[in-house]
Amino acid sequence: MEIGIASVAAITVICYLVGHAVKVSGLDNKFIPVIVGVVGGVLGVAALYINLPDFPAADPLTAVAVGIVSGLAATGADQIAKQLNQ
């Protein structure tokens, strides 16, 4: 089984941008991980049903899990960038 790096990275980038949009919207920052996790889960299911060729899930539950992890990875990437800039 190949790991679908491109599709997972795309979900992570989209969730990262959603997280930044939430941040500038004035909504409390504590909701950002939940929002990007939900968006990632939705994008994971969408990727499954769009039939992306390298998506690493074959069923909806795994697709949701891959999407959520990808979304939360966007939050982690943002925190790493913050820590490196301190």
C-alpha atoms as a PDB file:
ATOM      1  CA  MET A   1       0.000   0.000   0.000  1.00  0.00           C
ATOM      2  CA  GLU A   2       1.333   3.390  -0.952  1.00  0.00           C
ATOM      3  CA  ILE A   3       0.998   6.349   1.368  1.00  0.00           C
ATOM      4  CA  GLY A   4      -0.910   9.209  -0.266  1.00  0.00           C
ATOM      5  CA  ILE A   5       1.392  12.033   0.691  1.00  0.00           C
ATOM      6  CA  ALA A   6       0.019  14.536  -1.830  1.00  0.00           C
ATOM      7  CA  SER A   7      -3.629  14.254  -0.833  1.00  0.00           C
ATOM      8  CA  VAL A   8      -2.843  14.240   2.888  1.00  0.00           C
ATOM      9  CA  ALA A   9      -0.587  17.276   2.464  1.00  0.00           C
ATOM     10  CA  ALA A  10      -3.347  19.052   0.539  1.00  0.00           C
ATOM     11  CA  ILE A  11      -5.808  18.477   3.384  1.00  0.00           C
ATOM     12  CA  THR A  12      -3.239  19.756   5.873  1.00  0.00           C
ATOM     13  CA  VAL A  13      -2.598  22.940   3.864  1.00  0.00           C
ATOM     14  CA  ILE A  14      -6.310  23.639   3.441  1.00  0.00           C
ATOM     15  CA  CYS A  15      -6.874  23.145   7.176  1.00  0.00           C
ATOM     16  CA  TYR A  16      -3.905  25.411   7.952  1.00  0.00           C
ATOM     17  CA  LEU A  17      -5.527  28.166   5.885  1.00  0.00           C
ATOM     18  CA  VAL A  18      -8.885  27.583   7.596  1.00  0.00           C
ATOM     19  CA  GLY A  19      -7.128  27.888  10.954  1.00  0.00           C
ATOM     20  CA  HIS A  20      -5.642  31.229   9.944  1.00  0.00           C
ATOM     21  CA  ALA A  21      -9.037  32.422   8.732  1.00  0.00           C
ATOM     22  CA  VAL A  22     -10.547  31.525  12.097  1.00  0.00           C
ATOM     23  CA  LYS A  23      -7.699  33.308  13.878  1.00  0.00           C
ATOM     24  CA  VAL A  24      -8.287  36.593  12.038  1.00  0.00           C
ATOM     25  CA  SER A  25     -12.079  36.289  12.332  1.00  0.00           C
ATOM     26  CA  GLY A  26     -11.955  37.163  16.018  1.00  0.00           C
ATOM     27  CA  LEU A  27     -13.279  33.784  17.188  1.00  0.00           C
ATOM     28  CA  ASP A  28     -11.561  32.492  20.318  1.00  0.00           C
ATOM     29  CA  ASN A  29      -8.335  30.640  19.387  1.00  0.00           C
ATOM     30  CA  LYS A  30      -9.243  27.686  21.601  1.00  0.00           C
ATOM     31  CA  PHE A  31     -11.730  26.567  18.924  1.00  0.00           C
ATOM     32  CA  ILE A  32      -9.155  26.380  16.124  1.00  0.00           C
ATOM     33  CA  PRO A  33      -8.086  22.734  16.721  1.00  0.00           C
ATOM     34  CA  VAL A  34     -11.709  21.580  16.805  1.00  0.00           C
ATOM     35  CA  ILE A  35     -12.591  23.498  13.654  1.00  0.00           C
ATOM     36  CA  VAL A  36      -9.583  22.294  11.656  1.00  0.00           C
ATOM     37  CA  GLY A  37     -10.186  18.734  12.887  1.00  0.00           C
ATOM     38  CA  VAL A  38     -13.790  18.810  11.672  1.00  0.00           C
ATOM     39  CA  VAL A  39     -12.803  20.427   8.361  1.00  0.00           C
ATOM     40  CA  GLY A  40     -10.084  17.798   7.937  1.00  0.00           C
ATOM     41  CA  GLY A  41     -12.572  14.994   8.591  1.00  0.00           C
ATOM     42  CA  VAL A  42     -14.981  16.386   6.019  1.00  0.00           C
ATOM     43  CA  LEU A  43     -12.174  16.801   3.475  1.00  0.00           C
ATOM     44  CA  GLY A  44     -11.026  13.241   4.167  1.00  0.00           C
ATOM     45  CA  VAL A  45     -14.452  11.847   3.311  1.00  0.00           C
ATOM     46  CA  ALA A  46     -14.629  14.109   0.262  1.00  0.00           C
ATOM     47  CA  ALA A  47     -11.234  12.837  -0.897  1.00  0.00           C
ATOM     48  CA  LEU A  48     -12.443   9.252  -0.524  1.00  0.00           C
ATOM     49  CA  TYR A  49     -15.567   9.802  -2.612  1.00  0.00           C
ATOM     50  CA  ILE A  50     -13.793  11.944  -5.203  1.00  0.00           C
ATOM     51  CA  ASN A  51     -11.545   8.895  -5.666  1.00  0.00           C
ATOM     52  CA  LEU A  52      -8.218  10.644  -5.349  1.00  0.00           C
ATOM     53  CA  PRO A  53      -5.759   8.117  -6.738  1.00  0.00           C
ATOM     54  CA  ASP A  54      -3.262   8.204  -3.875  1.00  0.00           C
ATOM     55  CA  PHE A  55      -5.593   8.743  -0.914  1.00  0.00           C
ATOM     56  CA  PRO A  56      -4.588   6.298   1.855  1.00  0.00           C
ATOM     57  CA  ALA A  57      -8.089   5.228   2.921  1.00  0.00           C
ATOM     58  CA  ALA A  58     -10.492   2.694   1.489  1.00  0.00           C
ATOM     59  CA  ASP A  59     -13.476   3.219   3.813  1.00  0.00           C
ATOM     60  CA  PRO A  60     -15.270   6.242   5.304  1.00  0.00           C
ATOM     61  CA  LEU A  61     -14.116   5.716   8.888  1.00  0.00           C
ATOM     62  CA  THR A  62     -10.457   5.599   7.904  1.00  0.00           C
ATOM     63  CA  ALA A  63     -10.988   8.598   5.615  1.00  0.00           C
ATOM     64  CA  VAL A  64     -12.408  10.608   8.521  1.00  0.00           C
ATOM     65  CA  ALA A  65      -9.476   9.576  10.730  1.00  0.00           C
ATOM     66  CA  VAL A  66      -6.901  10.511   8.070  1.00  0.00           C
ATOM     67  CA  GLY A  67      -8.642  13.842   7.561  1.00  0.00           C
ATOM     68  CA  ILE A  68      -8.816  14.652  11.271  1.00  0.00           C
ATOM     69  CA  VAL A  69      -5.150  13.811  11.782  1.00  0.00           C
ATOM     70  CA  SER A  70      -4.242  15.914   8.752  1.00  0.00           C
ATOM     71  CA  GLY A  71      -6.277  18.827  10.103  1.00  0.00           C
ATOM     72  CA  LEU A  72      -4.712  18.603  13.538  1.00  0.00           C
ATOM     73  CA  ALA A  73      -1.276  18.394  11.913  1.00  0.00           C
ATOM     74  CA  ALA A  74      -1.953  21.891  10.588  1.00  0.00           C
ATOM     75  CA  THR A  75      -2.361  23.110  14.170  1.00  0.00           C
ATOM     76  CA  GLY A  76       0.862  21.366  15.136  1.00  0.00           C
ATOM     77  CA  ALA A  77       2.717  22.928  12.221  1.00  0.00           C
ATOM     78  CA  ASP A  78       1.516  26.361  13.296  1.00  0.00           C
ATOM     79  CA  GLN A  79       2.717  25.738  16.866  1.00  0.00           C
ATOM     80  CA  ILE A  80       6.132  24.543  15.649  1.00  0.00           C
ATOM     81  CA  ALA A  81       6.513  27.717  13.597  1.00  0.00           C
ATOM     82  CA  LYS A  82       5.596  29.825  16.650  1.00  0.00           C
ATOM     83  CA  GLN A  83       8.116  28.006  18.873  1.00  0.00           C
ATOM     84  CA  LEU A  84      10.930  28.386  16.337  1.00  0.00           C
ATOM     85  CA  ASN A  85      10.310  32.135  16.111  1.00  0.00           C
ATOM     86  CA  GLN A  86      10.622  32.694  19.873  1.00  0.00           C
END
